[in-house]
Amino acid sequence: MVRLFNDANLAEPTSETLEKALNALIGLAAFPAEQAVAMSLSRAGLDCTGLWERKRQAIEQTPGLSVWRGGETFDDIGGVENVRNFLKAVISGVDPPRVVVFIDEIEKAFAGSGTDLSGVKTEMTGTILSWMQDREADGTIFIGPPGAAKSLVGKATGNSAGIPTIAFDLGAMQSSLVGASGERLRTALKIVDAVSQGRSLFIATCNSIASLPPELRRRFTLGTFFFDLPTAEEREAIWKIYRQKYQVSGPLPTDEGWTGAEIKECCRKAYRLNSSLVDSARYIVPVSKSAADQIQALRKQASGRFISASKSGVYEYEEKPVASGRRLIRSEAVEVAGKAGPV
C-alpha cells in the first residue's frame, strides 16, 4: 500500500489510515485490494469510505448477501437495555467480531428442514450447522412480537462496533438447478469467513422459535433473548428519540401496549401529514390488540426459558388475573332481577 502512495507522489499514510484501510480490505484478494486502493487515491489522500463501498460491491456480487447501509446505533434505541449492554460487552471484549451476520425471521428461512421432498433445505441446514460448528461462530437469537426492536438492535450492532453488517438471505441463495443452492450457500459462507477472518457474530430474529430445529438453536451459543412489549418507562424513552428525529411535539396519545415500531410510525405519520400525534394515532392499531393471542402465547413460551432483553436475568411472565366473564354476566342478571322485583 505504501508503494501505491509513493507511485502517486503522495505522503506515506499514517498508522491510523493504514489501520482503517486494512479493516476495509480484509477479505479481498490481493489484486482486487490493490485495485480498490489505487482507485480510491486522490490528492487529498486515501478515501476510506470509497474503499468500504468497493468492498460492499464485492460482497453483494454473491447471491443472498447484502451489506446494510443504515446508520442506526445503540444510541438510537430506547429500552431493551439488557441486550444492548450484553452486545456492547461482546463487541468490545476479547476477540471482538469483525462482521455481524444478520438473519431476519430465521424460522421462515429454515422452514421445511428435514421434511422437504427435494432435500435442498435439509442440505442447506446441514451445511450452515457444520460451518458454525467448525468455525466456532458466535450467535444469538432474538424472539418476540413484531415491532419490538429485534431487527433494529441486530442492525445497530455492526454500526455501534464500526464493522459491516451482512444481511444473510437464505431464500435468495436457492436455485432451481440441482446442487446450485448448496454451492451458493458455501460460497456465501466463504465470503463471510474471509471478511470476518474467522470472527463473525450471527444475529437472528424470530417471531416463533417452535419451528426451529434444536440443533440449529444450539449453534447460537450466546443465548436467546426475548423482546417483550416495552414498559411505560421504555416507551417514554422511545417517544423522546422519535419526536426529536421527526421534529414533532404536542400531547402524546394513549400508548398502552404499543411497540417501538408503532411509536416511530406515529411520529412519522404526524410529520408527513402535518398533524398532531393524537390525530396520527387514530391510524394505528397496535399489535398488542391485533395479535393479542399470539403475544400471550409467546410470553408463556418464553417465560423461564429465555433471557430478558430489557431486564437482567431470565424473562419471567406473570399472567394478570382477569375477571370471569360468566361471573360478570351473572352479576348483571341478578342486578336486573333485583330492579324488576319479584315475579
Foldseek 3Di string as FASTA:
>chain_A
DQVLCVVVVHDGDDPVVVVLLCLLCFLPDPVVSVVQQNVQQDNVGGDSVSSNVSSQVVLVVQFQKHWDDDQAAPVLAFFLVQQNVVLVCQQPDPLHWQEEEEEEAVLVLLFCQPNDPVNLSVLLVVVVLVLLVVLVEAEEEEEEAPQLCLVVHSCNSCNNSVHIYMYGRLVRLDDPDPPSSNVSSVVSSSSVCRSGVSGYYYYYYHHDCPSPDPSVNVSNPVFYEYRYADDPNRVVVLLVSLCVVLVADDDAADQVQAHSRLSNQLSVCCSVVVHHSNVSCVPDDGCCVVVVVSNVVVLVVQAPPGAYSRDGDGDHDDDDDDDDPVVVVVVVVVVVDVVVDDD
